[in-house]
């Protein structure tokens, strides 16, 4: 009986106590801003890649890099 009490106390101590210092509206606002900061470059670079057909190799490569980095960040955001 005593061993069960010790085990249950240990289980209670292992539980994490979370304190959220930020209000819920701030967390939501930060999520929206983060999402916009990733999606705007993705959309702009997608449009630039297909809109402008006479780009040089450097311009095309730069827009391609921006597009791929934005895509990687979008994938990272889905894993959060």
C-alpha atoms as a PDB file:
ATOM      1  CA  UNK A   1       0.000   0.000   0.000  1.00  0.00           C
ATOM      2  CA  UNK A   2       2.789   2.425   0.875  1.00  0.00           C
ATOM      3  CA  UNK A   3       4.598   1.602  -2.329  1.00  0.00           C
ATOM      4  CA  UNK A   4       1.502   2.542  -4.349  1.00  0.00           C
ATOM      5  CA  UNK A   5       1.393   5.953  -2.649  1.00  0.00           C
ATOM      6  CA  UNK A   6       5.053   6.550  -3.438  1.00  0.00           C
ATOM      7  CA  UNK A   7       4.528   5.582  -7.079  1.00  0.00           C
ATOM      8  CA  UNK A   8       1.447   7.819  -7.403  1.00  0.00           C
ATOM      9  CA  UNK A   9       3.379  10.745  -5.869  1.00  0.00           C
ATOM     10  CA  UNK A  10       6.170  10.150  -8.360  1.00  0.00           C
ATOM     11  CA  UNK A  11       3.667  10.190 -11.219  1.00  0.00           C
ATOM     12  CA  UNK A  12       2.240  13.478  -9.979  1.00  0.00           C
ATOM     13  CA  UNK A  13       5.686  15.043  -9.815  1.00  0.00           C
ATOM     14  CA  UNK A  14       6.483  13.934 -13.371  1.00  0.00           C
ATOM     15  CA  UNK A  15       3.525  15.848 -14.814  1.00  0.00           C
ATOM     16  CA  UNK A  16       4.533  19.127 -16.350  1.00  0.00           C
ATOM     17  CA  UNK A  17       3.002  22.294 -15.039  1.00  0.00           C
ATOM     18  CA  UNK A  18       2.667  24.783 -17.850  1.00  0.00           C
ATOM     19  CA  UNK A  19       2.422  28.501 -17.314  1.00  0.00           C
ATOM     20  CA  UNK A  20       1.420  30.538 -20.301  1.00  0.00           C
ATOM     21  CA  UNK A  21       2.709  34.075 -19.882  1.00  0.00           C
ATOM     22  CA  UNK A  22       1.297  35.327 -23.189  1.00  0.00           C
ATOM     23  CA  UNK A  23      -2.413  35.995 -23.689  1.00  0.00           C
ATOM     24  CA  UNK A  24      -4.281  33.824 -26.152  1.00  0.00           C
ATOM     25  CA  UNK A  25      -4.842  36.685 -28.613  1.00  0.00           C
ATOM     26  CA  UNK A  26      -1.106  37.357 -28.784  1.00  0.00           C
ATOM     27  CA  UNK A  27      -0.352  33.711 -29.520  1.00  0.00           C
ATOM     28  CA  UNK A  28      -2.936  33.730 -32.309  1.00  0.00           C
ATOM     29  CA  UNK A  29      -1.616  37.012 -33.712  1.00  0.00           C
ATOM     30  CA  UNK A  30       1.944  35.700 -33.735  1.00  0.00           C
ATOM     31  CA  UNK A  31       0.814  32.541 -35.546  1.00  0.00           C
ATOM     32  CA  UNK A  32      -0.968  34.599 -38.214  1.00  0.00           C
ATOM     33  CA  UNK A  33       2.054  36.898 -38.663  1.00  0.00           C
ATOM     34  CA  UNK A  34       4.393  33.914 -38.925  1.00  0.00           C
ATOM     35  CA  UNK A  35       2.114  32.298 -41.487  1.00  0.00           C
ATOM     36  CA  UNK A  36       1.935  35.510 -43.543  1.00  0.00           C
ATOM     37  CA  UNK A  37       5.706  36.005 -43.438  1.00  0.00           C
ATOM     38  CA  UNK A  38       6.134  32.567 -44.997  1.00  0.00           C
ATOM     39  CA  UNK A  39       3.240  32.590 -47.456  1.00  0.00           C
ATOM     40  CA  UNK A  40       3.799  36.039 -48.989  1.00  0.00           C
ATOM     41  CA  UNK A  41       7.308  35.247 -50.329  1.00  0.00           C
ATOM     42  CA  UNK A  42       6.039  31.867 -51.542  1.00  0.00           C
ATOM     43  CA  UNK A  43       3.162  33.411 -53.489  1.00  0.00           C
ATOM     44  CA  UNK A  44       5.225  36.318 -54.841  1.00  0.00           C
ATOM     45  CA  UNK A  45       8.053  34.046 -55.991  1.00  0.00           C
ATOM     46  CA  UNK A  46       5.558  31.630 -57.577  1.00  0.00           C
ATOM     47  CA  UNK A  47       4.015  34.463 -59.554  1.00  0.00           C
ATOM     48  CA  UNK A  48       7.432  35.865 -60.512  1.00  0.00           C
ATOM     49  CA  UNK A  49       8.650  32.485 -61.765  1.00  0.00           C
ATOM     50  CA  UNK A  50       5.731  32.054 -64.152  1.00  0.00           C
ATOM     51  CA  UNK A  51       4.963  35.688 -65.017  1.00  0.00           C
ATOM     52  CA  UNK A  52       8.365  36.752 -66.270  1.00  0.00           C
ATOM     53  CA  UNK A  53       9.549  34.474 -69.072  1.00  0.00           C
ATOM     54  CA  UNK A  54      12.649  36.424 -70.152  1.00  0.00           C
ATOM     55  CA  UNK A  55      14.569  36.308 -66.862  1.00  0.00           C
ATOM     56  CA  UNK A  56      18.283  35.711 -66.802  1.00  0.00           C
ATOM     57  CA  UNK A  57      19.716  32.606 -65.164  1.00  0.00           C
ATOM     58  CA  UNK A  58      20.667  34.602 -62.039  1.00  0.00           C
ATOM     59  CA  UNK A  59      17.199  36.105 -61.653  1.00  0.00           C
ATOM     60  CA  UNK A  60      15.512  32.785 -62.225  1.00  0.00           C
ATOM     61  CA  UNK A  61      17.839  31.060 -59.770  1.00  0.00           C
ATOM     62  CA  UNK A  62      17.226  33.694 -57.114  1.00  0.00           C
ATOM     63  CA  UNK A  63      13.443  33.416 -57.401  1.00  0.00           C
ATOM     64  CA  UNK A  64      13.783  29.623 -57.410  1.00  0.00           C
ATOM     65  CA  UNK A  65      15.828  29.730 -54.182  1.00  0.00           C
ATOM     66  CA  UNK A  66      13.278  32.000 -52.503  1.00  0.00           C
ATOM     67  CA  UNK A  67      10.474  29.686 -53.603  1.00  0.00           C
ATOM     68  CA  UNK A  68      12.237  26.546 -52.345  1.00  0.00           C
ATOM     69  CA  UNK A  69      13.196  28.091 -48.981  1.00  0.00           C
ATOM     70  CA  UNK A  70       9.616  29.256 -48.499  1.00  0.00           C
ATOM     71  CA  UNK A  71       8.363  25.787 -49.338  1.00  0.00           C
ATOM     72  CA  UNK A  72      10.728  24.222 -46.790  1.00  0.00           C
ATOM     73  CA  UNK A  73       9.490  26.659 -44.146  1.00  0.00           C
ATOM     74  CA  UNK A  74       5.858  25.814 -44.995  1.00  0.00           C
ATOM     75  CA  UNK A  75       6.647  22.129 -44.503  1.00  0.00           C
ATOM     76  CA  UNK A  76       8.309  22.930 -41.174  1.00  0.00           C
ATOM     77  CA  UNK A  77       5.252  24.885 -40.079  1.00  0.00           C
ATOM     78  CA  UNK A  78       2.978  21.927 -40.786  1.00  0.00           C
ATOM     79  CA  UNK A  79       5.068  19.772 -38.446  1.00  0.00           C
ATOM     80  CA  UNK A  80       4.592  22.166 -35.519  1.00  0.00           C
END
